[in-house]
């Protein structure tokens, strides 16, 4: 049957990047876990927050990470050169927690901060 991993997190973009974000996510529309992405229906304030929440099979985590990495590499929207930033927390049924920090066009894998381990699933 396989183990599931709870994935929750967000990425931050400029509103001018929304079309790029939507175009990137559309490439994965047929992915079984694509429904976990949420983009605000209308822009407000100055940051576009794009969220993900869903339970995915452990075997799909690598493919999902590639989606996040592709979004992390989107071209900056302005002359400042600011790349997308974000954070994802992944926890599994073994009570293991991992985090992905998104910055500078990269997705950096680390053990989740100790303070967030309570998110790990309990049997």
PDB file of N, CA and C in Angstrom:
ATOM      1  N   UNK A   1       0.820  -1.193   0.000  1.00  0.00           N
ATOM      2  CA  UNK A   1       0.000   0.000   0.000  1.00  0.00           C
ATOM      3  C   UNK A   1       0.867   1.261   0.000  1.00  0.00           C
ATOM      4  N   UNK A   2       1.927   1.313   0.762  1.00  0.00           N
ATOM      5  CA  UNK A   2       2.810   2.475   0.767  1.00  0.00           C
ATOM      6  C   UNK A   2       2.495   3.459   1.869  1.00  0.00           C
ATOM      7  N   UNK A   3       3.511   4.164   2.265  1.00  0.00           N
ATOM      8  CA  UNK A   3       3.365   5.150   3.327  1.00  0.00           C
ATOM      9  C   UNK A   3       2.997   6.507   2.729  1.00  0.00           C
ATOM     10  N   UNK A   4       2.294   7.307   3.509  1.00  0.00           N
ATOM     11  CA  UNK A   4       1.929   8.649   3.101  1.00  0.00           C
ATOM     12  C   UNK A   4       2.770   9.667   3.861  1.00  0.00           C
ATOM     13  N   UNK A   5       2.972  10.794   3.198  1.00  0.00           N
ATOM     14  CA  UNK A   5       3.695  11.918   3.777  1.00  0.00           C
ATOM     15  C   UNK A   5       2.756  13.118   3.748  1.00  0.00           C
ATOM     16  N   UNK A   6       2.600  13.769   4.888  1.00  0.00           N
ATOM     17  CA  UNK A   6       1.803  14.991   4.948  1.00  0.00           C
ATOM     18  C   UNK A   6       2.704  16.147   4.526  1.00  0.00           C
ATOM     19  N   UNK A   7       2.268  16.876   3.501  1.00  0.00           N
ATOM     20  CA  UNK A   7       3.042  17.999   2.976  1.00  0.00           C
ATOM     21  C   UNK A   7       2.228  19.264   3.166  1.00  0.00           C
ATOM     22  N   UNK A   8       2.842  20.261   3.784  1.00  0.00           N
ATOM     23  CA  UNK A   8       2.180  21.553   3.893  1.00  0.00           C
ATOM     24  C   UNK A   8       3.249  22.626   3.805  1.00  0.00           C
ATOM     25  N   UNK A   9       2.915  23.682   3.071  1.00  0.00           N
ATOM     26  CA  UNK A   9       3.882  24.751   2.916  1.00  0.00           C
ATOM     27  C   UNK A   9       3.410  25.827   1.974  1.00  0.00           C
ATOM     28  N   UNK A  10       4.319  26.759   1.700  1.00  0.00           N
ATOM     29  CA  UNK A  10       3.979  27.878   0.844  1.00  0.00           C
ATOM     30  C   UNK A  10       5.210  28.394   0.114  1.00  0.00           C
ATOM     31  N   UNK A  11       4.924  29.124  -0.949  1.00  0.00           N
ATOM     32  CA  UNK A  11       5.937  29.854  -1.704  1.00  0.00           C
ATOM     33  C   UNK A  11       5.463  31.297  -1.824  1.00  0.00           C
ATOM     34  N   UNK A  12       6.411  32.225  -1.846  1.00  0.00           N
ATOM     35  CA  UNK A  12       6.096  33.642  -1.961  1.00  0.00           C
ATOM     36  C   UNK A  12       6.626  34.173  -3.285  1.00  0.00           C
ATOM     37  N   UNK A  13       5.745  34.878  -4.008  1.00  0.00           N
ATOM     38  CA  UNK A  13       6.072  35.444  -5.307  1.00  0.00           C
ATOM     39  C   UNK A  13       5.617  36.897  -5.348  1.00  0.00           C
ATOM     40  N   UNK A  14       6.047  37.605  -6.391  1.00  0.00           N
ATOM     41  CA  UNK A  14       5.457  38.900  -6.705  1.00  0.00           C
ATOM     42  C   UNK A  14       4.181  38.616  -7.496  1.00  0.00           C
ATOM     43  N   UNK A  15       3.205  39.483  -7.380  1.00  0.00           N
ATOM     44  CA  UNK A  15       1.955  39.278  -8.118  1.00  0.00           C
ATOM     45  C   UNK A  15       2.192  39.190  -9.628  1.00  0.00           C
ATOM     46  N   UNK A  16       3.224  39.875 -10.099  1.00  0.00           N
ATOM     47  CA  UNK A  16       3.531  39.844 -11.527  1.00  0.00           C
ATOM     48  C   UNK A  16       3.924  38.437 -11.994  1.00  0.00           C
ATOM     49  N   UNK A  17       4.258  37.550 -11.068  1.00  0.00           N
ATOM     50  CA  UNK A  17       4.664  36.184 -11.411  1.00  0.00           C
ATOM     51  C   UNK A  17       3.500  35.195 -11.429  1.00  0.00           C
ATOM     52  N   UNK A  18       2.305  35.653 -11.123  1.00  0.00           N
ATOM     53  CA  UNK A  18       1.176  34.732 -11.019  1.00  0.00           C
ATOM     54  C   UNK A  18       0.959  33.937 -12.304  1.00  0.00           C
ATOM     55  N   UNK A  19       1.076  34.588 -13.445  1.00  0.00           N
ATOM     56  CA  UNK A  19       0.882  33.866 -14.701  1.00  0.00           C
ATOM     57  C   UNK A  19       1.938  32.769 -14.868  1.00  0.00           C
ATOM     58  N   UNK A  20       3.191  33.064 -14.514  1.00  0.00           N
ATOM     59  CA  UNK A  20       4.255  32.061 -14.575  1.00  0.00           C
ATOM     60  C   UNK A  20       3.950  30.888 -13.638  1.00  0.00           C
ATOM     61  N   UNK A  21       3.475  31.207 -12.443  1.00  0.00           N
ATOM     62  CA  UNK A  21       3.146  30.173 -11.458  1.00  0.00           C
ATOM     63  C   UNK A  21       2.035  29.282 -12.002  1.00  0.00           C
ATOM     64  N   UNK A  22       0.975  29.896 -12.494  1.00  0.00           N
ATOM     65  CA  UNK A  22      -0.157  29.122 -13.003  1.00  0.00           C
ATOM     66  C   UNK A  22       0.242  28.275 -14.207  1.00  0.00           C
ATOM     67  N   UNK A  23       1.079  28.821 -15.074  1.00  0.00           N
ATOM     68  CA  UNK A  23       1.542  28.066 -16.246  1.00  0.00           C
ATOM     69  C   UNK A  23       2.385  26.861 -15.801  1.00  0.00           C
ATOM     70  N   UNK A  24       3.234  27.068 -14.817  1.00  0.00           N
ATOM     71  CA  UNK A  24       4.068  25.975 -14.304  1.00  0.00           C
ATOM     72  C   UNK A  24       3.197  24.890 -13.678  1.00  0.00           C
ATOM     73  N   UNK A  25       2.252  25.281 -12.844  1.00  0.00           N
ATOM     74  CA  UNK A  25       1.389  24.290 -12.185  1.00  0.00           C
ATOM     75  C   UNK A  25       0.490  23.572 -13.184  1.00  0.00           C
ATOM     76  N   UNK A  26       0.112  24.244 -14.263  1.00  0.00           N
ATOM     77  CA  UNK A  26      -0.738  23.616 -15.280  1.00  0.00           C
ATOM     78  C   UNK A  26      -0.042  22.423 -15.928  1.00  0.00           C
ATOM     79  N   UNK A  27       1.277  22.449 -15.980  1.00  0.00           N
ATOM     80  CA  UNK A  27       2.017  21.318 -16.552  1.00  0.00           C
ATOM     81  C   UNK A  27       1.828  20.050 -15.724  1.00  0.00           C
ATOM     82  N   UNK A  28       1.464  20.214 -14.464  1.00  0.00           N
ATOM     83  CA  UNK A  28       1.308  19.075 -13.550  1.00  0.00           C
ATOM     84  C   UNK A  28      -0.166  18.812 -13.226  1.00  0.00           C
ATOM     85  N   UNK A  29      -1.056  19.396 -13.985  1.00  0.00           N
ATOM     86  CA  UNK A  29      -2.495  19.298 -13.726  1.00  0.00           C
ATOM     87  C   UNK A  29      -2.986  17.855 -13.592  1.00  0.00           C
ATOM     88  N   UNK A  30      -2.380  16.933 -14.344  1.00  0.00           N
ATOM     89  CA  UNK A  30      -2.817  15.537 -14.309  1.00  0.00           C
ATOM     90  C   UNK A  30      -2.158  14.729 -13.196  1.00  0.00           C
ATOM     91  N   UNK A  31      -1.267  15.341 -12.453  1.00  0.00           N
ATOM     92  CA  UNK A  31      -0.632  14.670 -11.325  1.00  0.00           C
ATOM     93  C   UNK A  31      -1.696  14.380 -10.265  1.00  0.00           C
ATOM     94  N   UNK A  32      -1.620  13.223  -9.647  1.00  0.00           N
ATOM     95  CA  UNK A  32      -2.622  12.808  -8.660  1.00  0.00           C
ATOM     96  C   UNK A  32      -2.734  13.777  -7.487  1.00  0.00           C
ATOM     97  N   UNK A  33      -1.669  14.521  -7.201  1.00  0.00           N
ATOM     98  CA  UNK A  33      -1.669  15.390  -6.019  1.00  0.00           C
ATOM     99  C   UNK A  33      -1.713  16.873  -6.368  1.00  0.00           C
ATOM    100  N   UNK A  34      -2.014  17.201  -7.607  1.00  0.00           N
ATOM    101  CA  UNK A  34      -2.032  18.596  -8.047  1.00  0.00           C
ATOM    102  C   UNK A  34      -3.113  19.413  -7.348  1.00  0.00           C
ATOM    103  N   UNK A  35      -4.148  18.771  -6.873  1.00  0.00           N
ATOM    104  CA  UNK A  35      -5.249  19.485  -6.227  1.00  0.00           C
ATOM    105  C   UNK A  35      -4.893  20.128  -4.903  1.00  0.00           C
ATOM    106  N   UNK A  36      -3.721  19.862  -4.386  1.00  0.00           N
ATOM    107  CA  UNK A  36      -3.318  20.450  -3.112  1.00  0.00           C
ATOM    108  C   UNK A  36      -2.831  21.885  -3.210  1.00  0.00           C
ATOM    109  N   UNK A  37      -2.610  22.380  -4.435  1.00  0.00           N
ATOM    110  CA  UNK A  37      -2.133  23.748  -4.605  1.00  0.00           C
ATOM    111  C   UNK A  37      -3.290  24.736  -4.476  1.00  0.00           C
ATOM    112  N   UNK A  38      -3.030  25.878  -3.842  1.00  0.00           N
ATOM    113  CA  UNK A  38      -4.042  26.930  -3.702  1.00  0.00           C
ATOM    114  C   UNK A  38      -3.412  28.287  -3.999  1.00  0.00           C
ATOM    115  N   UNK A  39      -4.048  29.016  -4.912  1.00  0.00           N
ATOM    116  CA  UNK A  39      -3.619  30.362  -5.277  1.00  0.00           C
ATOM    117  C   UNK A  39      -4.781  31.294  -4.952  1.00  0.00           C
ATOM    118  N   UNK A  40      -4.523  32.433  -4.314  1.00  0.00           N
ATOM    119  CA  UNK A  40      -5.626  33.354  -4.007  1.00  0.00           C
ATOM    120  C   UNK A  40      -6.429  33.724  -5.253  1.00  0.00           C
ATOM    121  N   UNK A  41      -7.733  33.832  -5.085  1.00  0.00           N
ATOM    122  CA  UNK A  41      -8.629  34.133  -6.205  1.00  0.00           C
ATOM    123  C   UNK A  41      -8.397  35.530  -6.762  1.00  0.00           C
ATOM    124  N   UNK A  42      -7.996  36.461  -5.923  1.00  0.00           N
ATOM    125  CA  UNK A  42      -7.699  37.807  -6.404  1.00  0.00           C
ATOM    126  C   UNK A  42      -6.531  38.367  -5.587  1.00  0.00           C
ATOM    127  N   UNK A  43      -5.683  39.141  -6.244  1.00  0.00           N
ATOM    128  CA  UNK A  43      -4.508  39.670  -5.554  1.00  0.00           C
ATOM    129  C   UNK A  43      -4.889  40.714  -4.502  1.00  0.00           C
ATOM    130  N   UNK A  44      -4.116  40.742  -3.434  1.00  0.00           N
ATOM    131  CA  UNK A  44      -4.242  41.796  -2.433  1.00  0.00           C
ATOM    132  C   UNK A  44      -2.881  41.989  -1.779  1.00  0.00           C
ATOM    133  N   UNK A  45      -2.658  43.157  -1.263  1.00  0.00           N
ATOM    134  CA  UNK A  45      -1.376  43.547  -0.680  1.00  0.00           C
ATOM    135  C   UNK A  45      -0.245  43.338  -1.673  1.00  0.00           C
ATOM    136  N   UNK A  46       0.937  43.012  -1.257  1.00  0.00           N
ATOM    137  CA  UNK A  46       2.076  43.035  -2.188  1.00  0.00           C
ATOM    138  C   UNK A  46       2.734  41.691  -2.428  1.00  0.00           C
ATOM    139  N   UNK A  47       2.354  40.644  -1.712  1.00  0.00           N
ATOM    140  CA  UNK A  47       2.974  39.332  -1.901  1.00  0.00           C
ATOM    141  C   UNK A  47       1.930  38.313  -2.343  1.00  0.00           C
ATOM    142  N   UNK A  48       2.290  37.512  -3.338  1.00  0.00           N
ATOM    143  CA  UNK A  48       1.435  36.410  -3.774  1.00  0.00           C
ATOM    144  C   UNK A  48       1.901  35.155  -3.038  1.00  0.00           C
ATOM    145  N   UNK A  49       1.089  34.685  -2.112  1.00  0.00           N
ATOM    146  CA  UNK A  49       1.386  33.453  -1.380  1.00  0.00           C
ATOM    147  C   UNK A  49       0.670  32.301  -2.063  1.00  0.00           C
ATOM    148  N   UNK A  50       1.425  31.275  -2.420  1.00  0.00           N
ATOM    149  CA  UNK A  50       0.868  30.077  -3.043  1.00  0.00           C
ATOM    150  C   UNK A  50       1.093  28.933  -2.066  1.00  0.00           C
ATOM    151  N   UNK A  51       0.012  28.274  -1.682  1.00  0.00           N
ATOM    152  CA  UNK A  51       0.052  27.259  -0.631  1.00  0.00           C
ATOM    153  C   UNK A  51      -0.110  25.850  -1.192  1.00  0.00           C
ATOM    154  N   UNK A  52       0.428  24.899  -0.455  1.00  0.00           N
ATOM    155  CA  UNK A  52       0.175  23.499  -0.764  1.00  0.00           C
ATOM    156  C   UNK A  52      -0.138  22.780   0.536  1.00  0.00           C
ATOM    157  N   UNK A  53      -1.132  21.903   0.465  1.00  0.00           N
ATOM    158  CA  UNK A  53      -1.451  21.036   1.592  1.00  0.00           C
ATOM    159  C   UNK A  53      -2.030  19.744   1.062  1.00  0.00           C
ATOM    160  N   UNK A  54      -1.439  18.632   1.464  1.00  0.00           N
ATOM    161  CA  UNK A  54      -1.960  17.356   1.022  1.00  0.00           C
ATOM    162  C   UNK A  54      -1.146  16.193   1.548  1.00  0.00           C
ATOM    163  N   UNK A  55      -1.770  15.047   1.561  1.00  0.00           N
ATOM    164  CA  UNK A  55      -1.102  13.801   1.929  1.00  0.00           C
ATOM    165  C   UNK A  55      -0.754  13.090   0.627  1.00  0.00           C
ATOM    166  N   UNK A  56       0.535  12.835   0.422  1.00  0.00           N
ATOM    167  CA  UNK A  56       0.975  12.195  -0.809  1.00  0.00           C
ATOM    168  C   UNK A  56       1.719  10.917  -0.475  1.00  0.00           C
ATOM    169  N   UNK A  57       1.736  10.002  -1.411  1.00  0.00           N
ATOM    170  CA  UNK A  57       2.516   8.774  -1.209  1.00  0.00           C
ATOM    171  C   UNK A  57       3.994   9.133  -1.121  1.00  0.00           C
ATOM    172  N   UNK A  58       4.689   8.437  -0.263  1.00  0.00           N
ATOM    173  CA  UNK A  58       6.120   8.680  -0.099  1.00  0.00           C
ATOM    174  C   UNK A  58       6.849   8.576  -1.442  1.00  0.00           C
ATOM    175  N   UNK A  59       6.424   7.648  -2.279  1.00  0.00           N
ATOM    176  CA  UNK A  59       7.056   7.457  -3.586  1.00  0.00           C
ATOM    177  C   UNK A  59       6.866   8.658  -4.511  1.00  0.00           C
ATOM    178  N   UNK A  60       5.888   9.527  -4.225  1.00  0.00           N
ATOM    179  CA  UNK A  60       5.630  10.699  -5.063  1.00  0.00           C
ATOM    180  C   UNK A  60       6.358  11.947  -4.568  1.00  0.00           C
ATOM    181  N   UNK A  61       7.016  11.863  -3.424  1.00  0.00           N
ATOM    182  CA  UNK A  61       7.653  13.043  -2.837  1.00  0.00           C
ATOM    183  C   UNK A  61       8.747  13.616  -3.734  1.00  0.00           C
ATOM    184  N   UNK A  62       9.507  12.774  -4.397  1.00  0.00           N
ATOM    185  CA  UNK A  62      10.581  13.256  -5.272  1.00  0.00           C
ATOM    186  C   UNK A  62      10.000  14.039  -6.439  1.00  0.00           C
ATOM    187  N   UNK A  63       8.955  13.525  -7.044  1.00  0.00           N
ATOM    188  CA  UNK A  63       8.308  14.209  -8.160  1.00  0.00           C
ATOM    189  C   UNK A  63       7.709  15.539  -7.701  1.00  0.00           C
ATOM    190  N   UNK A  64       7.092  15.540  -6.523  1.00  0.00           N
ATOM    191  CA  UNK A  64       6.515  16.773  -6.001  1.00  0.00           C
ATOM    192  C   UNK A  64       7.615  17.799  -5.717  1.00  0.00           C
ATOM    193  N   UNK A  65       8.737  17.333  -5.183  1.00  0.00           N
ATOM    194  CA  UNK A  65       9.855  18.239  -4.906  1.00  0.00           C
ATOM    195  C   UNK A  65      10.338  18.891  -6.199  1.00  0.00           C
ATOM    196  N   UNK A  66      10.308  18.165  -7.306  1.00  0.00           N
ATOM    197  CA  UNK A  66      10.697  18.733  -8.601  1.00  0.00           C
ATOM    198  C   UNK A  66       9.768  19.867  -9.010  1.00  0.00           C
ATOM    199  N   UNK A  67       8.472  19.743  -8.689  1.00  0.00           N
ATOM    200  CA  UNK A  67       7.536  20.835  -8.963  1.00  0.00           C
ATOM    201  C   UNK A  67       7.927  22.072  -8.166  1.00  0.00           C
ATOM    202  N   UNK A  68       8.203  21.863  -6.884  1.00  0.00           N
ATOM    203  CA  UNK A  68       8.590  22.977  -6.014  1.00  0.00           C
ATOM    204  C   UNK A  68       9.881  23.616  -6.538  1.00  0.00           C
ATOM    205  N   UNK A  69      10.838  22.783  -6.946  1.00  0.00           N
ATOM    206  CA  UNK A  69      12.106  23.300  -7.466  1.00  0.00           C
ATOM    207  C   UNK A  69      11.897  24.115  -8.739  1.00  0.00           C
ATOM    208  N   UNK A  70      10.998  23.667  -9.590  1.00  0.00           N
ATOM    209  CA  UNK A  70      10.720  24.415 -10.818  1.00  0.00           C
ATOM    210  C   UNK A  70      10.127  25.779 -10.489  1.00  0.00           C
ATOM    211  N   UNK A  71       9.227  25.824  -9.530  1.00  0.00           N
ATOM    212  CA  UNK A  71       8.657  27.100  -9.105  1.00  0.00           C
ATOM    213  C   UNK A  71       9.729  27.986  -8.463  1.00  0.00           C
ATOM    214  N   UNK A  72      10.636  27.387  -7.720  1.00  0.00           N
ATOM    215  CA  UNK A  72      11.703  28.151  -7.063  1.00  0.00           C
ATOM    216  C   UNK A  72      12.618  28.837  -8.060  1.00  0.00           C
ATOM    217  N   UNK A  73      12.710  28.284  -9.267  1.00  0.00           N
ATOM    218  CA  UNK A  73      13.607  28.825 -10.292  1.00  0.00           C
ATOM    219  C   UNK A  73      12.940  29.840 -11.224  1.00  0.00           C
ATOM    220  N   UNK A  74      11.692  30.206 -10.956  1.00  0.00           N
ATOM    221  CA  UNK A  74      11.024  31.169 -11.837  1.00  0.00           C
ATOM    222  C   UNK A  74      11.826  32.465 -11.909  1.00  0.00           C
ATOM    223  N   UNK A  75      11.792  33.079 -13.070  1.00  0.00           N
ATOM    224  CA  UNK A  75      12.508  34.331 -13.264  1.00  0.00           C
ATOM    225  C   UNK A  75      11.987  35.406 -12.319  1.00  0.00           C
ATOM    226  N   UNK A  76      12.885  36.219 -11.782  1.00  0.00           N
ATOM    227  CA  UNK A  76      12.442  37.327 -10.925  1.00  0.00           C
ATOM    228  C   UNK A  76      11.502  38.251 -11.689  1.00  0.00           C
ATOM    229  N   UNK A  77      10.603  38.869 -10.956  1.00  0.00           N
ATOM    230  CA  UNK A  77       9.598  39.725 -11.584  1.00  0.00           C
ATOM    231  C   UNK A  77      10.078  41.160 -11.754  1.00  0.00           C
ATOM    232  N   UNK A  78      11.166  41.525 -11.090  1.00  0.00           N
ATOM    233  CA  UNK A  78      11.621  42.909 -11.171  1.00  0.00           C
ATOM    234  C   UNK A  78      13.145  42.980 -11.190  1.00  0.00           C
ATOM    235  N   UNK A  79      13.647  44.192 -11.242  1.00  0.00           N
ATOM    236  CA  UNK A  79      15.096  44.400 -11.336  1.00  0.00           C
ATOM    237  C   UNK A  79      15.841  44.053 -10.050  1.00  0.00           C
ATOM    238  N   UNK A  80      15.122  43.875  -8.949  1.00  0.00           N
ATOM    239  CA  UNK A  80      15.776  43.507  -7.693  1.00  0.00           C
ATOM    240  C   UNK A  80      16.359  42.104  -7.753  1.00  0.00           C
ATOM    241  N   UNK A  81      15.826  41.277  -8.653  1.00  0.00           N
ATOM    242  CA  UNK A  81      16.332  39.915  -8.796  1.00  0.00           C
ATOM    243  C   UNK A  81      15.867  38.970  -7.697  1.00  0.00           C
ATOM    244  N   UNK A  82      14.831  39.367  -6.963  1.00  0.00           N
ATOM    245  CA  UNK A  82      14.337  38.511  -5.877  1.00  0.00           C
ATOM    246  C   UNK A  82      13.727  37.232  -6.430  1.00  0.00           C
ATOM    247  N   UNK A  83      14.238  36.106  -5.974  1.00  0.00           N
ATOM    248  CA  UNK A  83      13.732  34.796  -6.364  1.00  0.00           C
ATOM    249  C   UNK A  83      12.627  34.391  -5.383  1.00  0.00           C
ATOM    250  N   UNK A  84      11.777  33.448  -5.761  1.00  0.00           N
ATOM    251  CA  UNK A  84      10.753  32.959  -4.826  1.00  0.00           C
ATOM    252  C   UNK A  84      11.397  32.396  -3.557  1.00  0.00           C
ATOM    253  N   UNK A  85      10.679  32.547  -2.455  1.00  0.00           N
ATOM    254  CA  UNK A  85      11.097  31.961  -1.184  1.00  0.00           C
ATOM    255  C   UNK A  85       9.927  31.169  -0.622  1.00  0.00           C
ATOM    256  N   UNK A  86      10.225  30.248   0.286  1.00  0.00           N
ATOM    257  CA  UNK A  86       9.145  29.489   0.893  1.00  0.00           C
ATOM    258  C   UNK A  86       9.644  28.451   1.866  1.00  0.00           C
ATOM    259  N   UNK A  87       8.691  27.711   2.395  1.00  0.00           N
ATOM    260  CA  UNK A  87       8.985  26.688   3.392  1.00  0.00           C
ATOM    261  C   UNK A  87       7.945  25.585   3.291  1.00  0.00           C
ATOM    262  N   UNK A  88       8.405  24.337   3.361  1.00  0.00           N
ATOM    263  CA  UNK A  88       7.515  23.177   3.357  1.00  0.00           C
ATOM    264  C   UNK A  88       7.908  22.264   4.506  1.00  0.00           C
ATOM    265  N   UNK A  89       6.916  21.732   5.179  1.00  0.00           N
ATOM    266  CA  UNK A  89       7.118  20.757   6.244  1.00  0.00           C
ATOM    267  C   UNK A  89       6.515  19.441   5.783  1.00  0.00           C
ATOM    268  N   UNK A  90       7.311  18.386   5.832  1.00  0.00           N
ATOM    269  CA  UNK A  90       6.852  17.053   5.459  1.00  0.00           C
ATOM    270  C   UNK A  90       6.988  16.156   6.676  1.00  0.00           C
ATOM    271  N   UNK A  91       5.948  15.427   6.988  1.00  0.00           N
ATOM    272  CA  UNK A  91       6.025  14.466   8.093  1.00  0.00           C
ATOM    273  C   UNK A  91       5.346  13.178   7.668  1.00  0.00           C
ATOM    274  N   UNK A  92       5.890  12.071   8.162  1.00  0.00           N
ATOM    275  CA  UNK A  92       5.391  10.778   7.709  1.00  0.00           C
ATOM    276  C   UNK A  92       4.890   9.934   8.870  1.00  0.00           C
ATOM    277  N   UNK A  93       4.442   8.745   8.527  1.00  0.00           N
ATOM    278  CA  UNK A  93       3.849   7.847   9.509  1.00  0.00           C
ATOM    279  C   UNK A  93       4.880   7.242  10.465  1.00  0.00           C
ATOM    280  N   UNK A  94       6.170   7.418  10.156  1.00  0.00           N
ATOM    281  CA  UNK A  94       7.228   6.960  11.070  1.00  0.00           C
ATOM    282  C   UNK A  94       7.584   8.038  12.083  1.00  0.00           C
ATOM    283  N   UNK A  95       6.820   9.133  12.047  1.00  0.00           N
ATOM    284  CA  UNK A  95       7.036  10.294  12.896  1.00  0.00           C
ATOM    285  C   UNK A  95       8.350  10.997  12.567  1.00  0.00           C
ATOM    286  N   UNK A  96       8.750  10.945  11.300  1.00  0.00           N
ATOM    287  CA  UNK A  96       9.922  11.660  10.804  1.00  0.00           C
ATOM    288  C   UNK A  96       9.451  12.967  10.165  1.00  0.00           C
ATOM    289  N   UNK A  97      10.174  14.028  10.399  1.00  0.00           N
ATOM    290  CA  UNK A  97       9.834  15.324   9.816  1.00  0.00           C
ATOM    291  C   UNK A  97      11.026  15.888   9.063  1.00  0.00           C
ATOM    292  N   UNK A  98      10.737  16.384   7.875  1.00  0.00           N
ATOM    293  CA  UNK A  98      11.738  16.995   7.015  1.00  0.00           C
ATOM    294  C   UNK A  98      11.221  18.366   6.618  1.00  0.00           C
ATOM    295  N   UNK A  99      12.141  19.273   6.315  1.00  0.00           N
ATOM    296  CA  UNK A  99      11.705  20.570   5.809  1.00  0.00           C
ATOM    297  C   UNK A  99      12.442  20.895   4.519  1.00  0.00           C
ATOM    298  N   UNK A 100      11.754  21.655   3.678  1.00  0.00           N
ATOM    299  CA  UNK A 100      12.352  22.184   2.463  1.00  0.00           C
ATOM    300  C   UNK A 100      12.301  23.698   2.596  1.00  0.00           C
ATOM    301  N   UNK A 101      13.442  24.329   2.554  1.00  0.00           N
ATOM    302  CA  UNK A 101      13.511  25.782   2.551  1.00  0.00           C
ATOM    303  C   UNK A 101      13.816  26.207   1.120  1.00  0.00           C
ATOM    304  N   UNK A 102      13.021  27.128   0.617  1.00  0.00           N
ATOM    305  CA  UNK A 102      13.166  27.583  -0.764  1.00  0.00           C
ATOM    306  C   UNK A 102      13.739  28.995  -0.743  1.00  0.00           C
ATOM    307  N   UNK A 103      14.901  29.143  -1.403  1.00  0.00           N
ATOM    308  CA  UNK A 103      15.510  30.476  -1.538  1.00  0.00           C
ATOM    309  C   UNK A 103      16.618  30.413  -2.588  1.00  0.00           C
ATOM    310  N   UNK A 104      16.876  31.541  -3.195  1.00  0.00           N
ATOM    311  CA  UNK A 104      17.949  31.659  -4.185  1.00  0.00           C
ATOM    312  C   UNK A 104      17.826  30.635  -5.311  1.00  0.00           C
ATOM    313  N   UNK A 105      16.599  30.278  -5.683  1.00  0.00           N
ATOM    314  CA  UNK A 105      16.380  29.340  -6.780  1.00  0.00           C
ATOM    315  C   UNK A 105      16.606  27.889  -6.413  1.00  0.00           C
ATOM    316  N   UNK A 106      16.780  27.597  -5.124  1.00  0.00           N
ATOM    317  CA  UNK A 106      17.074  26.238  -4.664  1.00  0.00           C
ATOM    318  C   UNK A 106      16.023  25.748  -3.676  1.00  0.00           C
ATOM    319  N   UNK A 107      15.943  24.417  -3.561  1.00  0.00           N
ATOM    320  CA  UNK A 107      15.147  23.786  -2.515  1.00  0.00           C
ATOM    321  C   UNK A 107      16.149  23.060  -1.633  1.00  0.00           C
ATOM    322  N   UNK A 108      16.245  23.483  -0.392  1.00  0.00           N
ATOM    323  CA  UNK A 108      17.241  22.957   0.537  1.00  0.00           C
ATOM    324  C   UNK A 108      16.558  22.004   1.510  1.00  0.00           C
ATOM    325  N   UNK A 109      16.984  20.737   1.491  1.00  0.00           N
ATOM    326  CA  UNK A 109      16.416  19.705   2.368  1.00  0.00           C
ATOM    327  C   UNK A 109      17.165  19.704   3.699  1.00  0.00           C
ATOM    328  N   UNK A 110      16.416  19.737   4.791  1.00  0.00           N
ATOM    329  CA  UNK A 110      17.010  19.617   6.117  1.00  0.00           C
ATOM    330  C   UNK A 110      16.039  18.871   7.017  1.00  0.00           C
ATOM    331  N   UNK A 111      16.550  18.450   8.147  1.00  0.00           N
ATOM    332  CA  UNK A 111      15.654  17.908   9.164  1.00  0.00           C
ATOM    333  C   UNK A 111      14.772  19.059   9.625  1.00  0.00           C
ATOM    334  N   UNK A 112      13.519  18.784   9.890  1.00  0.00           N
ATOM    335  CA  UNK A 112      12.618  19.844  10.324  1.00  0.00           C
ATOM    336  C   UNK A 112      13.077  20.396  11.669  1.00  0.00           C
ATOM    337  N   UNK A 113      12.863  21.670  11.912  1.00  0.00           N
ATOM    338  CA  UNK A 113      13.205  22.223  13.216  1.00  0.00           C
ATOM    339  C   UNK A 113      12.508  21.433  14.321  1.00  0.00           C
ATOM    340  N   UNK A 114      13.226  21.209  15.394  1.00  0.00           N
ATOM    341  CA  UNK A 114      12.709  20.408  16.510  1.00  0.00           C
ATOM    342  C   UNK A 114      11.336  20.898  16.975  1.00  0.00           C
ATOM    343  N   UNK A 115      11.136  22.199  16.939  1.00  0.00           N
ATOM    344  CA  UNK A 115       9.871  22.777  17.399  1.00  0.00           C
ATOM    345  C   UNK A 115       8.678  22.334  16.550  1.00  0.00           C
ATOM    346  N   UNK A 116       8.940  21.830  15.348  1.00  0.00           N
ATOM    347  CA  UNK A 116       7.853  21.421  14.452  1.00  0.00           C
ATOM    348  C   UNK A 116       7.633  19.914  14.420  1.00  0.00           C
ATOM    349  N   UNK A 117       8.384  19.166  15.176  1.00  0.00           N
ATOM    350  CA  UNK A 117       8.234  17.712  15.149  1.00  0.00           C
ATOM    351  C   UNK A 117       6.884  17.244  15.669  1.00  0.00           C
ATOM    352  N   UNK A 118       6.197  18.062  16.427  1.00  0.00           N
ATOM    353  CA  UNK A 118       4.879  17.669  16.925  1.00  0.00           C
ATOM    354  C   UNK A 118       3.880  17.506  15.789  1.00  0.00           C
ATOM    355  N   UNK A 119       4.206  18.035  14.592  1.00  0.00           N
ATOM    356  CA  UNK A 119       3.336  17.848  13.439  1.00  0.00           C
ATOM    357  C   UNK A 119       3.361  16.399  12.921  1.00  0.00           C
ATOM    358  N   UNK A 120       4.401  15.656  13.268  1.00  0.00           N
ATOM    359  CA  UNK A 120       4.538  14.297  12.752  1.00  0.00           C
ATOM    360  C   UNK A 120       3.328  13.460  13.153  1.00  0.00           C
ATOM    361  N   UNK A 121       2.924  12.604  12.248  1.00  0.00           N
ATOM    362  CA  UNK A 121       1.756  11.745  12.502  1.00  0.00           C
ATOM    363  C   UNK A 121       2.004  10.780  13.646  1.00  0.00           C
ATOM    364  N   UNK A 122       0.977  10.483  14.342  1.00  0.00           N
ATOM    365  CA  UNK A 122       1.027   9.487  15.407  1.00  0.00           C
ATOM    366  C   UNK A 122       0.303   8.235  14.921  1.00  0.00           C
ATOM    367  N   UNK A 123       0.846   7.040  15.208  1.00  0.00           N
ATOM    368  CA  UNK A 123       0.155   5.811  14.760  1.00  0.00           C
ATOM    369  C   UNK A 123      -1.174   5.614  15.452  1.00  0.00           C
TER     370      UNK A 123
END
